[in-house]
N, C-alpha and C. Protein backbone atom coordinates (compact mmCIF):
# COMPACT_ATOMS: atom_id res chain seq x y z
N UNK A 1 -162.57 32.30 -80.62
CA UNK A 1 -162.14 33.25 -79.60
C UNK A 1 -160.84 32.78 -78.97
N UNK A 2 -160.26 33.63 -78.11
CA UNK A 2 -158.95 33.34 -77.55
C UNK A 2 -159.04 32.69 -76.18
N UNK A 3 -160.25 32.53 -75.65
CA UNK A 3 -160.38 32.06 -74.29
C UNK A 3 -160.24 30.55 -74.21
N UNK A 4 -159.60 30.08 -73.13
CA UNK A 4 -159.42 28.64 -72.94
C UNK A 4 -160.58 28.06 -72.16
N UNK A 5 -160.93 26.82 -72.44
CA UNK A 5 -162.00 26.13 -71.74
C UNK A 5 -161.51 24.75 -71.34
N UNK A 6 -162.18 24.18 -70.33
CA UNK A 6 -161.84 22.82 -69.93
C UNK A 6 -162.32 21.85 -70.98
N UNK A 7 -161.59 20.75 -71.16
CA UNK A 7 -161.97 19.73 -72.12
C UNK A 7 -163.17 18.98 -71.58
N UNK A 8 -164.22 18.85 -72.40
CA UNK A 8 -165.42 18.14 -71.97
C UNK A 8 -165.81 17.13 -73.02
N UNK A 9 -166.61 16.14 -72.60
CA UNK A 9 -167.17 15.20 -73.55
C UNK A 9 -168.23 15.88 -74.39
N UNK A 10 -168.44 15.38 -75.59
CA UNK A 10 -169.46 15.92 -76.47
C UNK A 10 -170.82 15.78 -75.81
N UNK A 11 -171.60 16.88 -75.79
CA UNK A 11 -172.88 16.89 -75.10
C UNK A 11 -173.85 15.87 -75.69
N UNK A 12 -173.85 15.73 -77.01
CA UNK A 12 -174.76 14.78 -77.65
C UNK A 12 -174.42 13.35 -77.24
N UNK A 13 -173.11 13.05 -77.10
CA UNK A 13 -172.73 11.72 -76.69
C UNK A 13 -173.22 11.42 -75.28
N UNK A 14 -173.04 12.41 -74.38
CA UNK A 14 -173.50 12.22 -73.01
C UNK A 14 -175.00 12.01 -72.96
N UNK A 15 -175.73 12.86 -73.72
CA UNK A 15 -177.18 12.76 -73.73
C UNK A 15 -177.65 11.40 -74.23
N UNK A 16 -177.04 10.91 -75.31
CA UNK A 16 -177.46 9.63 -75.88
C UNK A 16 -177.20 8.49 -74.91
N UNK A 17 -176.07 8.53 -74.23
CA UNK A 17 -175.76 7.49 -73.25
C UNK A 17 -176.74 7.56 -72.08
N UNK A 18 -177.03 8.78 -71.64
CA UNK A 18 -177.95 8.95 -70.53
C UNK A 18 -179.33 8.41 -70.87
N UNK A 19 -179.79 8.71 -72.08
CA UNK A 19 -181.09 8.23 -72.51
C UNK A 19 -181.12 6.71 -72.60
N UNK A 20 -180.02 6.15 -73.10
CA UNK A 20 -179.95 4.70 -73.27
C UNK A 20 -179.99 3.97 -71.94
N UNK A 21 -179.46 4.59 -70.90
CA UNK A 21 -179.37 3.91 -69.62
C UNK A 21 -180.42 4.37 -68.62
N UNK A 22 -181.24 5.34 -69.03
CA UNK A 22 -182.28 5.83 -68.14
C UNK A 22 -181.76 6.76 -67.07
N UNK A 23 -180.55 7.28 -67.25
CA UNK A 23 -179.96 8.13 -66.22
C UNK A 23 -180.54 9.53 -66.20
N UNK A 24 -181.13 9.97 -67.31
CA UNK A 24 -181.67 11.32 -67.37
C UNK A 24 -182.76 11.52 -66.33
N UNK A 25 -183.71 10.60 -66.28
CA UNK A 25 -184.81 10.72 -65.32
C UNK A 25 -184.31 10.58 -63.90
N UNK A 26 -183.34 9.71 -63.70
CA UNK A 26 -182.78 9.52 -62.36
C UNK A 26 -182.09 10.80 -61.90
N UNK A 27 -181.28 11.38 -62.81
CA UNK A 27 -180.59 12.62 -62.48
C UNK A 27 -181.56 13.74 -62.17
N UNK A 28 -182.62 13.85 -62.95
CA UNK A 28 -183.63 14.88 -62.73
C UNK A 28 -184.30 14.70 -61.37
N UNK A 29 -184.57 13.46 -61.02
CA UNK A 29 -185.20 13.18 -59.74
C UNK A 29 -184.30 13.55 -58.58
N UNK A 30 -183.00 13.22 -58.71
CA UNK A 30 -182.05 13.55 -57.65
C UNK A 30 -181.92 15.06 -57.50
N UNK A 31 -181.85 15.77 -58.65
CA UNK A 31 -181.73 17.23 -58.62
C UNK A 31 -182.96 17.86 -57.99
N UNK A 32 -184.15 17.35 -58.34
CA UNK A 32 -185.39 17.87 -57.78
C UNK A 32 -185.43 17.67 -56.26
N UNK A 33 -184.98 16.51 -55.82
CA UNK A 33 -184.94 16.22 -54.38
C UNK A 33 -183.97 17.17 -53.68
N UNK A 34 -182.82 17.41 -54.33
CA UNK A 34 -181.82 18.32 -53.77
C UNK A 34 -182.40 19.72 -53.62
N UNK A 35 -183.10 20.20 -54.64
CA UNK A 35 -183.70 21.54 -54.60
C UNK A 35 -184.75 21.63 -53.49
N UNK A 36 -185.53 20.57 -53.32
CA UNK A 36 -186.53 20.56 -52.24
C UNK A 36 -185.86 20.63 -50.88
N UNK A 37 -184.72 19.98 -50.73
CA UNK A 37 -183.98 20.05 -49.47
C UNK A 37 -183.49 21.47 -49.22
N UNK A 38 -183.04 22.14 -50.29
CA UNK A 38 -182.62 23.52 -50.17
C UNK A 38 -183.78 24.41 -49.73
N UNK A 39 -184.92 24.22 -50.33
CA UNK A 39 -186.09 25.02 -50.00
C UNK A 39 -186.56 24.78 -48.57
N UNK A 40 -186.29 23.57 -48.08
CA UNK A 40 -186.68 23.23 -46.71
C UNK A 40 -185.69 23.75 -45.68
N UNK A 41 -184.61 24.38 -46.15
CA UNK A 41 -183.62 24.93 -45.25
C UNK A 41 -182.62 23.93 -44.73
N UNK A 42 -182.41 22.85 -45.48
CA UNK A 42 -181.46 21.82 -45.09
C UNK A 42 -180.03 22.39 -45.16
N UNK A 43 -179.37 22.48 -44.01
CA UNK A 43 -178.03 23.08 -43.96
C UNK A 43 -177.01 22.27 -44.74
N UNK A 44 -177.12 20.94 -44.68
CA UNK A 44 -176.17 20.09 -45.40
C UNK A 44 -176.32 20.28 -46.91
N UNK A 45 -177.56 20.43 -47.37
CA UNK A 45 -177.80 20.65 -48.80
C UNK A 45 -177.21 21.99 -49.24
N UNK A 46 -177.35 23.00 -48.39
CA UNK A 46 -176.81 24.30 -48.75
C UNK A 46 -175.28 24.25 -48.78
N UNK A 47 -174.68 23.52 -47.84
CA UNK A 47 -173.23 23.36 -47.86
C UNK A 47 -172.78 22.69 -49.16
N UNK A 48 -173.55 21.71 -49.60
CA UNK A 48 -173.25 21.02 -50.86
C UNK A 48 -173.35 21.99 -52.03
N UNK A 49 -174.38 22.83 -52.01
CA UNK A 49 -174.56 23.82 -53.07
C UNK A 49 -173.36 24.76 -53.15
N UNK A 50 -172.92 25.25 -52.00
CA UNK A 50 -171.79 26.17 -51.96
C UNK A 50 -170.53 25.48 -52.48
N UNK A 51 -170.30 24.26 -52.02
CA UNK A 51 -169.12 23.51 -52.46
C UNK A 51 -169.14 23.26 -53.96
N UNK A 52 -170.31 22.92 -54.47
CA UNK A 52 -170.44 22.56 -55.88
C UNK A 52 -170.26 23.74 -56.82
N UNK A 53 -170.73 24.94 -56.40
CA UNK A 53 -170.79 26.05 -57.34
C UNK A 53 -169.90 27.25 -57.00
N UNK A 54 -169.19 27.22 -55.89
CA UNK A 54 -168.38 28.38 -55.51
C UNK A 54 -167.36 28.75 -56.59
N UNK A 55 -166.65 27.77 -57.11
CA UNK A 55 -165.62 28.08 -58.13
C UNK A 55 -166.26 28.68 -59.37
N UNK A 56 -167.37 28.12 -59.83
CA UNK A 56 -168.03 28.64 -61.03
C UNK A 56 -168.50 30.08 -60.83
N UNK A 57 -169.10 30.34 -59.67
CA UNK A 57 -169.61 31.68 -59.39
C UNK A 57 -168.46 32.67 -59.25
N UNK A 58 -167.41 32.27 -58.52
CA UNK A 58 -166.26 33.16 -58.35
C UNK A 58 -165.60 33.47 -59.70
N UNK A 59 -165.40 32.43 -60.52
CA UNK A 59 -164.75 32.63 -61.81
C UNK A 59 -165.56 33.58 -62.68
N UNK A 60 -166.88 33.41 -62.70
CA UNK A 60 -167.74 34.31 -63.47
C UNK A 60 -167.59 35.74 -62.98
N UNK A 61 -167.67 35.93 -61.67
CA UNK A 61 -167.62 37.28 -61.11
C UNK A 61 -166.25 37.92 -61.28
N UNK A 62 -165.20 37.11 -61.21
CA UNK A 62 -163.87 37.69 -61.44
C UNK A 62 -163.75 38.20 -62.88
N UNK A 63 -164.27 37.42 -63.82
CA UNK A 63 -164.17 37.83 -65.22
C UNK A 63 -165.04 39.04 -65.51
N UNK A 64 -166.13 39.17 -64.77
CA UNK A 64 -167.00 40.33 -64.95
C UNK A 64 -166.40 41.57 -64.30
N UNK A 65 -165.83 41.42 -63.10
CA UNK A 65 -165.36 42.58 -62.34
C UNK A 65 -163.87 42.87 -62.51
N UNK A 66 -163.09 41.85 -62.89
CA UNK A 66 -161.63 41.98 -62.98
C UNK A 66 -161.04 42.42 -61.64
N UNK A 67 -161.62 41.92 -60.56
CA UNK A 67 -161.20 42.32 -59.22
C UNK A 67 -161.35 41.12 -58.29
N UNK A 68 -160.22 40.59 -57.82
CA UNK A 68 -160.24 39.37 -57.02
C UNK A 68 -161.02 39.56 -55.71
N UNK A 69 -160.74 40.65 -55.01
CA UNK A 69 -161.43 40.90 -53.74
C UNK A 69 -162.91 41.11 -53.95
N UNK A 70 -163.23 41.88 -54.99
CA UNK A 70 -164.63 42.14 -55.31
C UNK A 70 -165.37 40.85 -55.67
N UNK A 71 -164.73 40.01 -56.47
CA UNK A 71 -165.35 38.75 -56.86
C UNK A 71 -165.60 37.86 -55.65
N UNK A 72 -164.66 37.85 -54.70
CA UNK A 72 -164.85 37.07 -53.48
C UNK A 72 -166.02 37.58 -52.66
N UNK A 73 -166.10 38.90 -52.49
CA UNK A 73 -167.22 39.48 -51.74
C UNK A 73 -168.55 39.19 -52.42
N UNK A 74 -168.57 39.36 -53.74
CA UNK A 74 -169.81 39.14 -54.48
C UNK A 74 -170.22 37.68 -54.47
N UNK A 75 -169.26 36.78 -54.45
CA UNK A 75 -169.58 35.35 -54.36
C UNK A 75 -170.31 35.07 -53.05
N UNK A 76 -169.81 35.63 -51.95
CA UNK A 76 -170.47 35.44 -50.66
C UNK A 76 -171.87 36.05 -50.68
N UNK A 77 -171.99 37.23 -51.27
CA UNK A 77 -173.29 37.89 -51.33
C UNK A 77 -174.27 37.11 -52.20
N UNK A 78 -173.73 36.49 -53.26
CA UNK A 78 -174.58 35.68 -54.13
C UNK A 78 -175.19 34.52 -53.36
N UNK A 79 -174.38 33.80 -52.61
CA UNK A 79 -174.91 32.66 -51.86
C UNK A 79 -175.81 33.09 -50.72
N UNK A 80 -175.54 34.24 -50.14
CA UNK A 80 -176.45 34.77 -49.11
C UNK A 80 -177.81 35.06 -49.73
N UNK A 81 -177.80 35.67 -50.92
CA UNK A 81 -179.05 35.94 -51.62
C UNK A 81 -179.77 34.65 -51.99
N UNK A 82 -178.99 33.65 -52.42
CA UNK A 82 -179.58 32.35 -52.76
C UNK A 82 -180.28 31.75 -51.54
N UNK A 83 -179.61 31.81 -50.40
CA UNK A 83 -180.18 31.27 -49.17
C UNK A 83 -181.52 31.94 -48.83
N UNK A 84 -181.59 33.25 -49.11
CA UNK A 84 -182.80 34.00 -48.78
C UNK A 84 -183.92 33.78 -49.78
N UNK A 85 -183.55 33.45 -51.04
CA UNK A 85 -184.56 33.42 -52.10
C UNK A 85 -184.80 32.05 -52.72
N UNK A 86 -184.14 31.00 -52.23
CA UNK A 86 -184.23 29.69 -52.86
C UNK A 86 -185.67 29.19 -52.93
N UNK A 87 -186.51 29.59 -51.99
CA UNK A 87 -187.90 29.14 -52.01
C UNK A 87 -188.66 29.68 -53.22
N UNK A 88 -188.12 30.74 -53.83
CA UNK A 88 -188.77 31.32 -55.01
C UNK A 88 -188.35 30.63 -56.30
N UNK A 89 -187.37 29.74 -56.21
CA UNK A 89 -186.89 29.04 -57.41
C UNK A 89 -187.98 28.12 -57.93
N UNK A 90 -188.36 28.31 -59.19
CA UNK A 90 -189.47 27.55 -59.77
C UNK A 90 -189.02 26.57 -60.84
N UNK A 91 -187.75 26.57 -61.16
CA UNK A 91 -187.25 25.59 -62.12
C UNK A 91 -187.42 25.99 -63.57
N UNK A 92 -187.74 27.28 -63.84
CA UNK A 92 -187.84 27.70 -65.25
C UNK A 92 -186.50 27.56 -65.95
N UNK A 93 -185.41 27.77 -65.21
CA UNK A 93 -184.05 27.54 -65.70
C UNK A 93 -183.41 26.51 -64.79
N UNK A 94 -182.27 25.94 -65.23
CA UNK A 94 -181.61 25.00 -64.33
C UNK A 94 -180.96 25.78 -63.20
N UNK A 95 -180.53 25.06 -62.17
CA UNK A 95 -180.05 25.71 -60.96
C UNK A 95 -178.83 26.58 -61.20
N UNK A 96 -177.88 26.10 -61.99
CA UNK A 96 -176.67 26.88 -62.24
C UNK A 96 -176.99 28.17 -62.97
N UNK A 97 -177.89 28.11 -63.94
CA UNK A 97 -178.28 29.31 -64.67
C UNK A 97 -178.92 30.32 -63.73
N UNK A 98 -179.75 29.83 -62.82
CA UNK A 98 -180.40 30.70 -61.83
C UNK A 98 -179.35 31.34 -60.92
N UNK A 99 -178.35 30.57 -60.50
CA UNK A 99 -177.27 31.11 -59.67
C UNK A 99 -176.49 32.19 -60.42
N UNK A 100 -176.21 31.94 -61.69
CA UNK A 100 -175.52 32.94 -62.50
C UNK A 100 -176.32 34.23 -62.59
N UNK A 101 -177.62 34.11 -62.71
CA UNK A 101 -178.48 35.30 -62.79
C UNK A 101 -178.34 36.13 -61.51
N UNK A 102 -178.37 35.46 -60.37
CA UNK A 102 -178.23 36.17 -59.10
C UNK A 102 -176.85 36.82 -59.01
N UNK A 103 -175.81 36.09 -59.42
CA UNK A 103 -174.45 36.63 -59.38
C UNK A 103 -174.31 37.88 -60.25
N UNK A 104 -174.87 37.83 -61.45
CA UNK A 104 -174.83 38.99 -62.35
C UNK A 104 -175.54 40.18 -61.73
N UNK A 105 -176.70 39.93 -61.13
CA UNK A 105 -177.45 41.02 -60.50
C UNK A 105 -176.69 41.61 -59.31
N UNK A 106 -176.03 40.75 -58.53
CA UNK A 106 -175.22 41.24 -57.42
C UNK A 106 -174.09 42.13 -57.95
N UNK A 107 -173.46 41.70 -59.06
CA UNK A 107 -172.38 42.47 -59.66
C UNK A 107 -172.88 43.83 -60.13
N UNK A 108 -174.03 43.84 -60.78
CA UNK A 108 -174.59 45.10 -61.27
C UNK A 108 -174.89 46.05 -60.12
N UNK A 109 -175.50 45.52 -59.08
CA UNK A 109 -175.85 46.36 -57.93
C UNK A 109 -174.60 46.94 -57.28
N UNK A 110 -173.56 46.11 -57.12
CA UNK A 110 -172.31 46.59 -56.51
C UNK A 110 -171.63 47.63 -57.40
N UNK A 111 -171.65 47.39 -58.71
CA UNK A 111 -171.00 48.32 -59.63
C UNK A 111 -171.65 49.70 -59.55
N UNK A 112 -172.98 49.71 -59.48
CA UNK A 112 -173.67 51.01 -59.38
C UNK A 112 -173.28 51.72 -58.09
N UNK A 113 -173.14 50.96 -56.99
CA UNK A 113 -172.78 51.56 -55.72
C UNK A 113 -171.35 52.12 -55.76
N UNK A 114 -170.41 51.30 -56.33
CA UNK A 114 -169.02 51.75 -56.40
C UNK A 114 -168.87 52.94 -57.35
N UNK A 115 -169.65 52.94 -58.43
CA UNK A 115 -169.57 54.04 -59.39
C UNK A 115 -169.93 55.35 -58.72
N UNK A 116 -170.94 55.31 -57.87
CA UNK A 116 -171.34 56.52 -57.15
C UNK A 116 -170.21 57.02 -56.23
N UNK A 117 -169.38 56.11 -55.77
CA UNK A 117 -168.27 56.48 -54.90
C UNK A 117 -166.99 56.76 -55.69
N UNK A 118 -167.09 56.65 -57.03
CA UNK A 118 -165.96 56.91 -57.93
C UNK A 118 -164.75 56.06 -57.56
N UNK A 119 -165.00 54.78 -57.40
CA UNK A 119 -163.94 53.87 -57.01
C UNK A 119 -163.19 53.38 -58.22
N UNK A 120 -161.85 53.36 -58.17
CA UNK A 120 -161.05 52.81 -59.24
C UNK A 120 -159.95 51.95 -58.65
N UNK A 121 -159.76 50.75 -59.22
CA UNK A 121 -158.76 49.85 -58.65
C UNK A 121 -158.27 48.89 -59.72
N UNK A 122 -156.99 48.55 -59.68
CA UNK A 122 -156.45 47.52 -60.56
C UNK A 122 -155.94 46.38 -59.72
N UNK A 123 -155.80 45.19 -60.32
CA UNK A 123 -155.33 44.03 -59.59
C UNK A 123 -154.25 43.33 -60.39
N UNK A 124 -153.56 42.45 -59.73
CA UNK A 124 -152.56 41.63 -60.39
C UNK A 124 -153.12 40.23 -60.60
N UNK A 125 -152.87 39.68 -61.79
CA UNK A 125 -153.30 38.31 -62.02
C UNK A 125 -152.45 37.31 -61.24
N UNK A 126 -151.42 37.81 -60.54
CA UNK A 126 -150.63 36.95 -59.67
C UNK A 126 -151.27 36.81 -58.29
N UNK A 127 -152.39 37.51 -58.07
CA UNK A 127 -153.07 37.40 -56.78
C UNK A 127 -153.57 35.98 -56.58
N UNK A 128 -153.52 35.47 -55.34
CA UNK A 128 -153.93 34.08 -55.09
C UNK A 128 -155.44 33.92 -55.22
N UNK A 129 -155.86 32.71 -55.59
CA UNK A 129 -157.27 32.38 -55.73
C UNK A 129 -157.80 31.94 -54.37
N UNK A 130 -158.76 32.71 -53.80
CA UNK A 130 -159.37 32.34 -52.54
C UNK A 130 -158.31 32.21 -51.45
N UNK A 131 -158.37 31.09 -50.70
CA UNK A 131 -157.42 30.86 -49.62
C UNK A 131 -156.21 30.07 -50.09
N UNK A 132 -156.19 29.65 -51.35
CA UNK A 132 -155.06 28.90 -51.86
C UNK A 132 -153.94 29.84 -52.26
N UNK A 133 -152.80 29.28 -52.63
CA UNK A 133 -151.68 30.09 -53.08
C UNK A 133 -151.54 30.04 -54.59
N UNK A 134 -152.55 29.48 -55.28
CA UNK A 134 -152.51 29.37 -56.72
C UNK A 134 -152.84 30.71 -57.36
N UNK A 135 -151.97 31.27 -58.22
CA UNK A 135 -152.27 32.55 -58.86
C UNK A 135 -153.53 32.48 -59.70
N UNK A 136 -154.21 33.62 -59.83
CA UNK A 136 -155.47 33.65 -60.56
C UNK A 136 -155.32 33.24 -62.01
N UNK A 137 -154.20 33.63 -62.65
CA UNK A 137 -154.06 33.26 -64.05
C UNK A 137 -153.95 31.76 -64.21
N UNK A 138 -153.44 31.06 -63.15
CA UNK A 138 -153.38 29.60 -63.23
C UNK A 138 -154.79 29.03 -63.16
N UNK A 139 -155.63 29.64 -62.33
CA UNK A 139 -157.01 29.18 -62.21
C UNK A 139 -157.76 29.38 -63.52
N UNK A 140 -157.51 30.51 -64.18
CA UNK A 140 -158.23 30.83 -65.40
C UNK A 140 -157.70 30.04 -66.59
N UNK A 141 -156.39 29.96 -66.71
CA UNK A 141 -155.80 29.39 -67.91
C UNK A 141 -155.44 27.92 -67.81
N UNK A 142 -155.26 27.41 -66.60
CA UNK A 142 -154.85 26.02 -66.45
C UNK A 142 -153.35 25.86 -66.61
N UNK A 143 -152.89 24.65 -66.74
CA UNK A 143 -151.46 24.40 -66.87
C UNK A 143 -151.05 24.37 -68.33
N UNK A 144 -149.75 24.59 -68.60
CA UNK A 144 -149.28 24.69 -69.96
C UNK A 144 -148.09 23.77 -70.19
N UNK A 145 -147.71 23.65 -71.44
CA UNK A 145 -146.68 22.69 -71.83
C UNK A 145 -145.31 23.10 -71.33
N UNK A 146 -144.94 24.37 -71.45
CA UNK A 146 -143.60 24.79 -71.07
C UNK A 146 -143.62 26.23 -70.57
N UNK A 147 -142.56 26.66 -69.87
CA UNK A 147 -142.52 28.01 -69.29
C UNK A 147 -142.68 29.12 -70.32
N UNK A 148 -142.07 28.95 -71.51
CA UNK A 148 -142.17 29.99 -72.53
C UNK A 148 -143.61 30.19 -72.97
N UNK A 149 -144.29 29.09 -73.22
CA UNK A 149 -145.69 29.19 -73.62
C UNK A 149 -146.52 29.80 -72.49
N UNK A 150 -146.18 29.42 -71.25
CA UNK A 150 -146.88 29.95 -70.10
C UNK A 150 -146.77 31.46 -70.03
N UNK A 151 -145.58 31.99 -70.28
CA UNK A 151 -145.37 33.43 -70.25
C UNK A 151 -146.16 34.12 -71.35
N UNK A 152 -146.13 33.54 -72.55
CA UNK A 152 -146.86 34.13 -73.67
C UNK A 152 -148.36 34.13 -73.41
N UNK A 153 -148.85 33.00 -72.89
CA UNK A 153 -150.28 32.92 -72.61
C UNK A 153 -150.68 33.90 -71.52
N UNK A 154 -149.78 34.09 -70.53
CA UNK A 154 -150.07 35.03 -69.45
C UNK A 154 -150.18 36.44 -70.00
N UNK A 155 -149.29 36.81 -70.89
CA UNK A 155 -149.33 38.15 -71.48
C UNK A 155 -150.60 38.34 -72.30
N UNK A 156 -150.95 37.32 -73.09
CA UNK A 156 -152.19 37.41 -73.88
C UNK A 156 -153.40 37.53 -72.97
N UNK A 157 -153.37 36.77 -71.88
CA UNK A 157 -154.50 36.82 -70.94
C UNK A 157 -154.64 38.21 -70.32
N UNK A 158 -153.52 38.85 -70.02
CA UNK A 158 -153.59 40.20 -69.46
C UNK A 158 -154.21 41.17 -70.45
N UNK A 159 -153.81 41.03 -71.72
CA UNK A 159 -154.37 41.90 -72.75
C UNK A 159 -155.87 41.64 -72.89
N UNK A 160 -156.25 40.36 -72.87
CA UNK A 160 -157.66 40.00 -72.98
C UNK A 160 -158.46 40.53 -71.79
N UNK A 161 -157.90 40.38 -70.60
CA UNK A 161 -158.58 40.84 -69.40
C UNK A 161 -158.81 42.34 -69.47
N UNK A 162 -157.79 43.08 -69.89
CA UNK A 162 -157.94 44.53 -70.01
C UNK A 162 -158.96 44.89 -71.08
N UNK A 163 -158.95 44.15 -72.19
CA UNK A 163 -159.91 44.42 -73.26
C UNK A 163 -161.33 44.14 -72.79
N UNK A 164 -161.52 43.04 -72.07
CA UNK A 164 -162.83 42.73 -71.52
C UNK A 164 -163.30 43.81 -70.56
N UNK A 165 -162.38 44.29 -69.73
CA UNK A 165 -162.72 45.30 -68.74
C UNK A 165 -163.21 46.58 -69.40
N UNK A 166 -162.71 46.87 -70.60
CA UNK A 166 -163.09 48.10 -71.30
C UNK A 166 -164.41 47.97 -72.05
N UNK A 167 -164.92 46.76 -72.17
CA UNK A 167 -166.21 46.59 -72.83
C UNK A 167 -167.34 47.16 -71.98
N UNK A 168 -168.36 47.74 -72.60
CA UNK A 168 -169.56 48.11 -71.84
C UNK A 168 -170.12 46.87 -71.12
N UNK A 169 -170.69 47.07 -69.96
CA UNK A 169 -171.15 45.95 -69.13
C UNK A 169 -172.02 44.95 -69.88
N UNK A 170 -172.97 45.46 -70.66
CA UNK A 170 -173.91 44.56 -71.30
C UNK A 170 -173.23 43.65 -72.32
N UNK A 171 -172.19 44.15 -72.96
CA UNK A 171 -171.43 43.33 -73.91
C UNK A 171 -170.51 42.36 -73.17
N UNK A 172 -169.86 42.85 -72.11
CA UNK A 172 -168.93 41.99 -71.36
C UNK A 172 -169.67 40.80 -70.74
N UNK A 173 -170.82 41.05 -70.16
CA UNK A 173 -171.58 39.96 -69.55
C UNK A 173 -171.93 38.90 -70.58
N UNK A 174 -172.41 39.33 -71.73
CA UNK A 174 -172.83 38.38 -72.76
C UNK A 174 -171.65 37.59 -73.31
N UNK A 175 -170.52 38.26 -73.56
CA UNK A 175 -169.34 37.58 -74.10
C UNK A 175 -168.77 36.59 -73.09
N UNK A 176 -168.69 36.99 -71.83
CA UNK A 176 -168.17 36.09 -70.79
C UNK A 176 -169.05 34.85 -70.66
N UNK A 177 -170.35 35.06 -70.61
CA UNK A 177 -171.26 33.92 -70.45
C UNK A 177 -171.20 32.98 -71.64
N UNK A 178 -171.01 33.52 -72.84
CA UNK A 178 -170.99 32.69 -74.05
C UNK A 178 -169.61 32.08 -74.30
N UNK A 179 -168.59 32.91 -74.37
CA UNK A 179 -167.28 32.46 -74.85
C UNK A 179 -166.37 31.93 -73.76
N UNK A 180 -166.66 32.23 -72.51
CA UNK A 180 -165.85 31.69 -71.42
C UNK A 180 -166.62 30.63 -70.65
N UNK A 181 -167.85 30.95 -70.27
CA UNK A 181 -168.64 29.99 -69.50
C UNK A 181 -169.30 28.93 -70.37
N UNK A 182 -169.43 29.20 -71.67
CA UNK A 182 -169.98 28.21 -72.59
C UNK A 182 -171.48 28.01 -72.51
N UNK A 183 -172.22 29.00 -72.03
CA UNK A 183 -173.68 28.89 -71.96
C UNK A 183 -174.30 29.02 -73.34
N UNK A 184 -175.45 28.41 -73.52
CA UNK A 184 -176.18 28.52 -74.77
C UNK A 184 -176.88 29.88 -74.82
N UNK A 185 -177.36 30.26 -76.01
CA UNK A 185 -178.11 31.51 -76.12
C UNK A 185 -179.32 31.51 -75.19
N UNK A 186 -180.01 30.37 -75.11
CA UNK A 186 -181.18 30.27 -74.25
C UNK A 186 -180.82 30.48 -72.79
N UNK A 187 -179.71 29.87 -72.36
CA UNK A 187 -179.29 30.02 -70.97
C UNK A 187 -178.87 31.46 -70.67
N UNK A 188 -178.17 32.07 -71.62
CA UNK A 188 -177.74 33.46 -71.42
C UNK A 188 -178.95 34.37 -71.35
N UNK A 189 -179.93 34.13 -72.19
CA UNK A 189 -181.16 34.93 -72.16
C UNK A 189 -181.83 34.82 -70.79
N UNK A 190 -181.79 33.62 -70.21
CA UNK A 190 -182.38 33.42 -68.89
C UNK A 190 -181.58 34.13 -67.82
N UNK A 191 -180.26 34.05 -67.89
CA UNK A 191 -179.41 34.72 -66.90
C UNK A 191 -179.59 36.23 -66.95
N UNK A 192 -179.57 36.79 -68.16
CA UNK A 192 -179.63 38.24 -68.32
C UNK A 192 -181.06 38.78 -68.37
N UNK A 193 -182.01 37.85 -68.46
CA UNK A 193 -183.43 38.22 -68.51
C UNK A 193 -183.74 39.14 -69.68
N UNK A 194 -183.24 38.72 -70.86
CA UNK A 194 -183.53 39.41 -72.11
C UNK A 194 -183.87 38.35 -73.15
N UNK A 195 -184.34 38.77 -74.33
CA UNK A 195 -184.68 37.78 -75.35
C UNK A 195 -183.43 37.32 -76.10
N UNK A 196 -183.57 36.23 -76.84
CA UNK A 196 -182.42 35.63 -77.52
C UNK A 196 -181.84 36.56 -78.58
N UNK A 197 -182.70 37.31 -79.25
CA UNK A 197 -182.22 38.26 -80.24
C UNK A 197 -181.28 39.28 -79.63
N UNK A 198 -181.64 39.76 -78.45
CA UNK A 198 -180.79 40.72 -77.75
C UNK A 198 -179.47 40.08 -77.35
N UNK A 199 -179.53 38.82 -76.89
CA UNK A 199 -178.31 38.09 -76.53
C UNK A 199 -177.38 38.00 -77.73
N UNK A 200 -177.88 37.59 -78.86
CA UNK A 200 -177.05 37.44 -80.06
C UNK A 200 -176.45 38.78 -80.47
N UNK A 201 -177.24 39.83 -80.38
CA UNK A 201 -176.77 41.16 -80.76
C UNK A 201 -175.63 41.61 -79.84
N UNK A 202 -175.80 41.39 -78.54
CA UNK A 202 -174.77 41.81 -77.58
C UNK A 202 -173.48 41.02 -77.76
N UNK A 203 -173.61 39.73 -78.00
CA UNK A 203 -172.42 38.90 -78.21
C UNK A 203 -171.69 39.34 -79.47
N UNK A 204 -172.44 39.54 -80.55
CA UNK A 204 -171.83 39.94 -81.82
C UNK A 204 -171.12 41.29 -81.67
N UNK A 205 -171.78 42.23 -81.01
CA UNK A 205 -171.19 43.55 -80.84
C UNK A 205 -169.96 43.48 -79.93
N UNK A 206 -170.07 42.71 -78.84
CA UNK A 206 -168.95 42.56 -77.92
C UNK A 206 -167.75 41.92 -78.59
N UNK A 207 -167.98 40.88 -79.39
CA UNK A 207 -166.89 40.22 -80.11
C UNK A 207 -166.24 41.17 -81.11
N UNK A 208 -167.06 41.99 -81.76
CA UNK A 208 -166.52 42.93 -82.75
C UNK A 208 -165.59 43.93 -82.08
N UNK A 209 -166.02 44.47 -80.94
CA UNK A 209 -165.19 45.42 -80.21
C UNK A 209 -163.91 44.76 -79.73
N UNK A 210 -164.02 43.53 -79.20
CA UNK A 210 -162.84 42.81 -78.73
C UNK A 210 -161.87 42.53 -79.87
N UNK A 211 -162.42 42.14 -81.01
CA UNK A 211 -161.59 41.81 -82.17
C UNK A 211 -160.73 43.01 -82.57
N UNK A 212 -161.31 44.19 -82.52
CA UNK A 212 -160.56 45.40 -82.87
C UNK A 212 -159.47 45.69 -81.84
N UNK A 213 -159.78 45.43 -80.58
CA UNK A 213 -158.81 45.68 -79.52
C UNK A 213 -157.67 44.66 -79.54
N UNK A 214 -157.96 43.45 -80.04
CA UNK A 214 -156.99 42.37 -79.97
C UNK A 214 -156.34 42.07 -81.31
N UNK A 215 -156.42 43.00 -82.23
CA UNK A 215 -155.93 42.77 -83.59
C UNK A 215 -154.44 42.45 -83.62
N UNK A 216 -153.69 42.91 -82.63
CA UNK A 216 -152.24 42.73 -82.66
C UNK A 216 -151.74 41.54 -81.85
N UNK A 217 -152.67 40.73 -81.25
CA UNK A 217 -152.18 39.59 -80.45
C UNK A 217 -152.57 38.28 -81.10
């Protein structure tokens, strides 16, 4: 795919090191304690949660909605919903996957409301991210080698953003979660609350539609 991702260590390497040093159980224990603090209404724990996941949630919602203001509002609504429902979290999925599920549901609910009002709006990728002055395309694409490449990548990103926006919601959600967020089929199935077969079908169909739209870039 054409989407850029942050450079990460190989997951198998991390897992093997964690197992060798016993860090997996320690990490699980710390995470479980953190979740219990959230359920107990610990304000400091909730502040940590917001700090840790705001960028991930905002980035997901921006790619789903293609609307900076909308993504910001939905991010706030997502964390408000999390605050109200954290006691229902049972650990069937990891915390980030659960947060993504809530964010997707918030997006769907808002989209249905805006559709009824026949709202239409476009945005500029030069809009600043949050309270910073960093343009959104910089947040999405990262830094580049030279100005010429930066311009070319910006143009490709605009075409991709428009192509994603034209995808049916069910395909766009699946493609974003897989090809941009890097979630596994199992995680996507948990976020979207569908089976893995449906996830694979939506991703394949979404990629096919995108491929046709992007044939010239």
